[in-house]
Amino acid sequence: MRVLLLEDETALRETLAERLKREGFVVDACGEGVEGAYMALEYPLDLAIVDLGLPGRSGLDVVKELRRADKRYPVLILTARDHWEDKVEALESGADDYLTKPFRTEELLARVNALLRRAGGHATSEVEFGPLKVQLNSQKVALNGEPLDLTQFEYKLLAYFVLHPDQVLSKLQLNEHLYEDDADPESNVIEVILGRLRRKLDPDGDWKPIQTLRGRGYRFSPDA
């Protein structure tokens, strides 16, 4: 998943960005509101973490603008303000959740994962598709009740499919959401990882949960 982190405290921004990357997220980070608003509107994001007290432009204004532009990905607000009025205003402006500073990084990760699950239509962290079971929090995968050993990028690709079932996803989309900006969009890395993932999910070739749509991309349709 690709996450935007807008936080003006340098140490906190760097710490959170590094932890999110270790958890498998692609992270775009910024400490200023004007540039942050541009990133929120123009980048292919799955979720944004926005501090209310940004310089240049407030986090609340950023949230309002991206909702006016019909950007529907989840937004988690960070705030040092503990007044209930501020939290209500943020939620009514389009934010999905808030976290009051100081906080534990584990709580932030839990809220991020919960927002991404809900955006994908899943109420719990355990998702089942026929013989496939995916634990989105622990990143454990089982096929027919047996643990499935996936590499980091195989899991990231599977998780993205799981959170976007029955959607046509282009190679460019997958590149943008799974890799940093300097990744070569013309490389065949996605095809290689996809081939390995298919063989692990469907060793006998009789399930075919991932479809290739010539000229358009791929679709995860486990119930087809």
Protein backbone atom coordinates (compact mmCIF):
# COMPACT_ATOMS: atom_id res chain seq x y z
CA MET A 1 0.00 0.00 0.00
CA ARG A 2 1.17 3.54 -0.72
CA VAL A 3 0.91 5.95 2.22
CA LEU A 4 1.34 9.72 2.37
CA LEU A 5 2.78 11.01 5.66
CA LEU A 6 2.38 14.76 6.32
CA GLU A 7 4.14 15.63 9.59
CA ASP A 8 6.22 18.75 10.31
CA GLU A 9 8.21 17.30 13.23
CA THR A 10 11.28 15.99 11.42
CA ALA A 11 12.28 13.34 13.95
CA LEU A 12 8.74 11.95 14.19
CA ARG A 13 8.27 12.03 10.42
CA GLU A 14 11.50 10.14 9.79
CA THR A 15 10.79 7.60 12.53
CA LEU A 16 7.26 6.89 11.30
CA ALA A 17 8.34 6.73 7.66
CA GLU A 18 11.06 4.21 8.46
CA ARG A 19 8.70 2.04 10.52
CA LEU A 20 6.01 2.11 7.83
CA LYS A 21 8.57 1.06 5.23
CA ARG A 22 9.68 -1.83 7.45
CA GLU A 23 6.03 -2.90 7.59
CA GLY A 24 5.98 -3.10 3.79
CA PHE A 25 4.40 0.25 2.89
CA VAL A 26 5.59 2.57 0.15
CA VAL A 27 5.87 5.96 1.89
CA ASP A 28 5.78 9.52 0.55
CA ALA A 29 6.67 11.97 3.33
CA CYS A 30 6.45 15.75 3.58
CA GLY A 31 6.65 18.33 6.38
CA GLU A 32 4.81 21.23 4.77
CA GLY A 33 1.17 21.84 3.91
CA VAL A 34 1.32 23.33 0.41
CA GLU A 35 3.51 20.58 -1.03
CA GLY A 36 1.57 18.05 1.03
CA ALA A 37 -1.71 19.15 -0.56
CA TYR A 38 -0.20 18.68 -4.01
CA MET A 39 0.98 15.18 -3.10
CA ALA A 40 -2.40 14.31 -1.59
CA LEU A 41 -4.14 15.30 -4.82
CA GLU A 42 -1.68 14.03 -7.43
CA TYR A 43 -0.08 10.88 -6.01
CA PRO A 44 -1.71 7.42 -6.37
CA LEU A 45 -2.34 6.88 -2.67
CA ASP A 46 -4.09 4.25 -0.57
CA LEU A 47 -4.08 6.26 2.67
CA ALA A 48 -2.87 9.56 4.12
CA ILE A 49 -1.62 10.36 7.62
CA VAL A 50 -2.02 14.10 8.16
CA ASP A 51 -0.87 16.28 11.06
CA LEU A 52 -3.26 19.17 11.71
CA GLY A 53 -0.48 21.63 12.59
CA LEU A 54 1.34 21.79 9.26
CA PRO A 55 3.18 24.99 8.27
CA GLY A 56 2.16 26.74 5.05
CA ARG A 57 -1.26 25.15 5.01
CA SER A 58 -3.10 23.38 7.79
CA GLY A 59 -3.76 19.68 7.72
CA LEU A 60 -7.47 20.42 8.00
CA ASP A 61 -7.35 22.46 4.79
CA VAL A 62 -5.50 19.61 3.06
CA VAL A 63 -8.21 17.14 4.05
CA LYS A 64 -10.99 19.47 2.92
CA GLU A 65 -9.34 20.01 -0.46
CA LEU A 66 -8.74 16.35 -1.23
CA ARG A 67 -12.36 15.53 -0.31
CA ARG A 68 -13.59 18.36 -2.56
CA ALA A 69 -11.52 16.75 -5.32
CA ASP A 70 -13.35 13.45 -4.64
CA LYS A 71 -10.27 11.66 -3.32
CA ARG A 72 -11.79 8.84 -1.31
CA TYR A 73 -8.83 7.07 0.27
CA PRO A 74 -8.80 6.97 4.11
CA VAL A 75 -7.24 9.79 6.13
CA LEU A 76 -5.82 9.41 9.63
CA ILE A 77 -5.37 12.70 11.49
CA LEU A 78 -2.49 13.29 13.90
CA THR A 79 -3.00 16.09 16.41
CA ALA A 80 -1.52 17.49 19.59
CA ARG A 81 -4.90 19.10 20.32
CA ASP A 82 -7.04 17.21 22.79
CA HIS A 83 -10.20 19.33 22.53
CA TRP A 84 -13.16 17.33 21.31
CA GLU A 85 -14.23 20.21 19.07
CA ASP A 86 -11.03 19.89 17.00
CA LYS A 87 -11.56 16.16 16.55
CA VAL A 88 -15.18 16.62 15.52
CA GLU A 89 -14.21 19.30 12.99
CA ALA A 90 -11.55 17.02 11.47
CA LEU A 91 -13.96 14.09 11.17
CA GLU A 92 -16.72 16.25 9.71
CA SER A 93 -14.23 17.65 7.17
CA GLY A 94 -13.59 14.19 5.75
CA ALA A 95 -11.04 12.49 8.01
CA ASP A 96 -11.74 8.86 8.91
CA ASP A 97 -9.90 8.59 12.22
CA TYR A 98 -7.63 10.59 14.51
CA LEU A 99 -4.77 9.92 16.88
CA THR A 100 -3.72 12.29 19.66
CA LYS A 101 -0.03 12.90 20.32
CA PRO A 102 1.90 11.40 22.00
CA PHE A 103 1.03 7.93 20.74
CA ARG A 104 2.60 4.50 20.36
CA THR A 105 3.68 3.56 16.86
CA GLU A 106 1.91 0.21 17.27
CA GLU A 107 -1.40 2.01 17.73
CA LEU A 108 -0.82 4.06 14.59
CA LEU A 109 -0.06 0.90 12.61
CA ALA A 110 -3.18 -0.80 13.95
CA ARG A 111 -5.33 2.18 12.91
CA VAL A 112 -3.70 2.34 9.47
CA ASN A 113 -4.32 -1.36 8.87
CA ALA A 114 -7.92 -1.08 10.09
CA LEU A 115 -8.62 1.84 7.75
CA LEU A 116 -7.13 -0.01 4.78
CA ARG A 117 -9.15 -3.13 5.58
CA ARG A 118 -12.40 -1.18 5.80
CA ALA A 119 -11.62 0.65 2.56
CA GLY A 120 -11.26 -2.78 0.96
CA GLY A 121 -14.58 -3.95 2.40
CA HIS A 122 -13.18 -6.16 5.18
CA ALA A 123 -14.32 -5.80 8.78
CA THR A 124 -11.59 -8.02 10.28
CA SER A 125 -7.92 -8.65 9.62
CA GLU A 126 -8.56 -12.25 8.55
CA VAL A 127 -9.71 -12.56 4.95
CA GLU A 128 -10.76 -15.81 3.28
CA PHE A 129 -11.21 -16.57 -0.40
CA GLY A 130 -11.98 -20.23 -0.94
CA PRO A 131 -8.88 -22.22 0.07
CA LEU A 132 -6.89 -19.02 0.71
CA LYS A 133 -6.67 -17.34 4.12
CA VAL A 134 -4.76 -14.07 4.59
CA GLN A 135 -4.02 -12.47 7.96
CA LEU A 136 -3.52 -8.82 7.00
CA ASN A 137 -2.11 -7.75 10.39
CA SER A 138 0.40 -10.56 10.89
CA GLN A 139 1.00 -10.98 7.12
CA LYS A 140 0.49 -14.74 7.39
CA VAL A 141 -0.96 -16.65 4.46
CA ALA A 142 -2.37 -20.17 4.36
CA LEU A 143 -3.59 -22.28 1.44
CA ASN A 144 -5.84 -25.26 2.20
CA GLY A 145 -4.92 -24.86 5.86
CA GLU A 146 -1.17 -25.06 5.23
CA PRO A 147 1.19 -22.05 5.70
CA LEU A 148 2.22 -20.48 2.40
CA ASP A 149 5.76 -19.14 2.20
CA LEU A 150 5.80 -15.85 0.28
CA THR A 151 8.56 -13.32 -0.30
CA GLN A 152 8.00 -9.73 0.81
CA PHE A 153 6.96 -8.56 -2.66
CA GLU A 154 4.83 -11.64 -3.34
CA TYR A 155 2.92 -10.86 -0.14
CA LYS A 156 2.62 -7.16 -1.00
CA LEU A 157 1.20 -8.01 -4.39
CA LEU A 158 -1.25 -10.53 -2.91
CA ALA A 159 -2.35 -8.09 -0.20
CA TYR A 160 -3.05 -5.42 -2.80
CA PHE A 161 -5.13 -7.88 -4.81
CA VAL A 162 -6.99 -9.00 -1.68
CA LEU A 163 -7.90 -5.40 -0.80
CA HIS A 164 -9.04 -4.73 -4.39
CA PRO A 165 -10.92 -7.90 -5.43
CA ASP A 166 -12.59 -8.00 -8.84
CA GLN A 167 -10.97 -4.72 -9.87
CA VAL A 168 -8.90 -4.34 -13.03
CA LEU A 169 -5.43 -3.24 -11.93
CA SER A 170 -2.94 -2.11 -14.56
CA LYS A 171 0.77 -2.84 -14.41
CA LEU A 172 1.36 0.90 -13.84
CA GLN A 173 -1.03 0.92 -10.88
CA LEU A 174 0.71 -2.05 -9.30
CA ASN A 175 4.12 -0.43 -9.83
CA GLU A 176 2.95 2.85 -8.26
CA HIS A 177 1.48 1.20 -5.19
CA LEU A 178 4.19 -1.39 -4.54
CA TYR A 179 7.44 0.40 -5.35
CA GLU A 180 9.21 3.68 -4.70
CA ASP A 181 9.13 6.42 -7.33
CA ASP A 182 12.51 5.47 -8.81
CA ALA A 183 11.27 2.03 -9.91
CA ASP A 184 11.38 1.45 -13.66
CA PRO A 185 7.74 1.27 -14.89
CA GLU A 186 8.89 -0.59 -18.01
CA SER A 187 10.63 -3.42 -16.18
CA ASN A 188 9.11 -6.90 -16.04
CA VAL A 189 9.45 -7.24 -12.26
CA ILE A 190 5.67 -7.28 -11.73
CA GLU A 191 5.29 -10.09 -14.28
CA VAL A 192 8.04 -12.13 -12.61
CA ILE A 193 6.56 -11.73 -9.11
CA LEU A 194 3.07 -12.39 -10.44
CA GLY A 195 4.23 -15.61 -12.10
CA ARG A 196 5.74 -16.87 -8.85
CA LEU A 197 2.65 -15.89 -6.88
CA ARG A 198 0.35 -17.69 -9.31
CA ARG A 199 2.38 -20.90 -9.05
CA LYS A 200 2.20 -20.78 -5.25
CA LEU A 201 -1.52 -20.00 -5.09
CA ASP A 202 -2.54 -22.42 -7.82
CA PRO A 203 0.08 -25.17 -8.14
CA ASP A 204 -2.31 -27.50 -9.98
CA GLY A 205 -3.64 -24.82 -12.31
CA ASP A 206 -7.29 -25.54 -11.56
CA TRP A 207 -8.24 -22.43 -9.53
CA LYS A 208 -6.80 -19.46 -11.50
CA PRO A 209 -7.64 -16.67 -9.00
CA ILE A 210 -5.54 -14.06 -10.87
CA GLN A 211 -6.68 -13.29 -14.39
CA THR A 212 -4.68 -11.51 -17.09
CA LEU A 213 -6.72 -9.06 -19.15
CA ARG A 214 -4.76 -8.42 -22.32
CA GLY A 215 -3.93 -4.75 -22.77
CA ARG A 216 -5.61 -3.78 -19.48
CA GLY A 217 -3.88 -5.50 -16.59
CA TYR A 218 -4.86 -8.05 -13.97
CA ARG A 219 -7.87 -8.96 -11.85
CA PHE A 220 -8.07 -10.98 -8.64
CA SER A 221 -11.31 -12.95 -8.94
CA PRO A 222 -11.03 -15.87 -6.49
CA ASP A 223 -14.74 -16.74 -6.77
CA ALA A 224 -14.85 -16.77 -10.57
